[in-house]
Amino acid sequence: MTDATVTTTTTTTTTTTTTTTTTTTTTTTTTTKTTTTSTTTILLLLLYYYYCYYYYYYYYYYYYYYYYYYYYYYYYYYYYFLRQQTMI
């Protein structure tokens, strides 16, 4: 009797699957610039123009007054001079 040899070959196949997920995030930023003028600023500007107006108004009448002041004295001395000439 002969001994029979049985050979068994086992093959193992391993499959590896890699999944890559890419996530893209987009961020949009909107900047809004708002310009506001406060009531205090407006009042200060009005006060400034009010001051300038009365400043020039005052000096206008100041020079107006002195113009007539010198005008008056010019004729006063002119009259005085003529009077002295006629008395000679």
Protein backbone atom coordinates (compact mmCIF):
# COMPACT_ATOMS: atom_id res chain seq x y z
CA MET A 1 0.00 0.00 0.00
CA THR A 2 1.22 3.41 -0.92
CA ASP A 3 0.71 6.50 1.14
CA ALA A 4 -1.02 9.29 -0.78
CA THR A 5 0.06 12.87 -0.14
CA VAL A 6 -2.58 15.54 -0.35
CA THR A 7 -1.36 19.08 -0.65
CA THR A 8 -3.83 21.91 0.01
CA THR A 9 -2.94 25.44 -1.05
CA THR A 10 -4.92 28.30 0.44
CA THR A 11 -4.65 31.73 -1.21
CA THR A 12 -5.91 34.75 0.67
CA THR A 13 -6.46 37.99 -1.25
CA THR A 14 -6.88 41.16 0.74
CA THR A 15 -8.36 44.22 -1.01
CA THR A 16 -7.98 47.61 0.66
CA THR A 17 -10.17 50.47 -0.55
CA THR A 18 -9.25 54.05 0.47
CA THR A 19 -11.87 56.71 0.11
CA THR A 20 -10.75 60.38 0.22
CA THR A 21 -13.38 63.06 0.77
CA THR A 22 -12.47 66.70 0.05
CA THR A 23 -14.67 69.43 1.45
CA THR A 24 -14.31 73.01 0.12
CA THR A 25 -15.79 75.84 2.17
CA THR A 26 -16.18 79.29 0.59
CA THR A 27 -16.74 82.27 2.86
CA THR A 28 -17.96 85.57 1.40
CA THR A 29 -17.64 88.69 3.53
CA THR A 30 -19.54 91.83 2.58
CA THR A 31 -18.55 95.08 4.26
CA THR A 32 -20.97 97.98 4.20
CA LYS A 33 -19.68 101.42 5.19
CA THR A 34 -22.33 103.79 6.42
CA THR A 35 -21.54 107.48 6.94
CA THR A 36 -23.73 109.29 9.38
CA THR A 37 -23.61 112.91 10.46
CA SER A 38 -24.57 113.48 14.01
CA THR A 39 -26.80 116.28 15.19
CA THR A 40 -23.97 117.65 17.32
CA THR A 41 -21.75 118.08 14.28
CA ILE A 42 -24.47 119.94 12.41
CA LEU A 43 -25.10 122.22 15.36
CA LEU A 44 -21.40 122.99 15.72
CA LEU A 45 -21.17 123.88 12.05
CA LEU A 46 -24.17 126.15 12.31
CA LEU A 47 -22.70 127.82 15.35
CA TYR A 48 -19.43 128.34 13.51
CA TYR A 49 -21.13 129.98 10.51
CA TYR A 50 -23.29 132.06 12.84
CA TYR A 51 -20.16 133.30 14.60
CA CYS A 52 -18.42 134.13 11.29
CA TYR A 53 -21.47 135.98 10.02
CA TYR A 54 -21.70 138.21 13.08
CA TYR A 55 -17.96 138.66 13.20
CA TYR A 56 -17.92 140.18 9.69
CA TYR A 57 -21.17 141.98 10.36
CA TYR A 58 -19.60 143.66 13.41
CA TYR A 59 -16.47 144.71 11.55
CA TYR A 60 -18.47 146.00 8.64
CA TYR A 61 -20.35 148.41 10.91
CA TYR A 62 -17.19 149.16 12.83
CA TYR A 63 -15.47 150.46 9.70
CA TYR A 64 -18.66 152.07 8.52
CA TYR A 65 -18.89 154.02 11.77
CA TYR A 66 -15.26 155.18 11.60
CA TYR A 67 -15.60 156.15 7.99
CA TYR A 68 -18.36 158.58 8.87
CA TYR A 69 -16.51 159.64 11.98
CA TYR A 70 -13.48 160.77 9.96
CA TYR A 71 -15.71 162.13 7.27
CA TYR A 72 -17.45 164.34 9.84
CA TYR A 73 -14.19 165.59 11.32
CA TYR A 74 -12.73 166.27 7.91
CA TYR A 75 -15.59 168.65 7.13
CA TYR A 76 -15.48 170.04 10.60
CA TYR A 77 -11.81 171.06 10.23
CA TYR A 78 -12.38 172.16 6.67
CA TYR A 79 -15.16 174.44 7.85
CA TYR A 80 -12.98 175.66 10.72
CA PHE A 81 -10.14 176.38 8.31
CA LEU A 82 -12.42 178.40 5.98
CA ARG A 83 -13.78 180.30 8.89
CA GLN A 84 -10.28 181.23 10.01
CA GLN A 85 -9.43 182.36 6.49
CA THR A 86 -12.44 184.64 6.31
CA MET A 87 -11.68 186.19 9.66
CA ILE A 88 -8.24 187.37 8.55
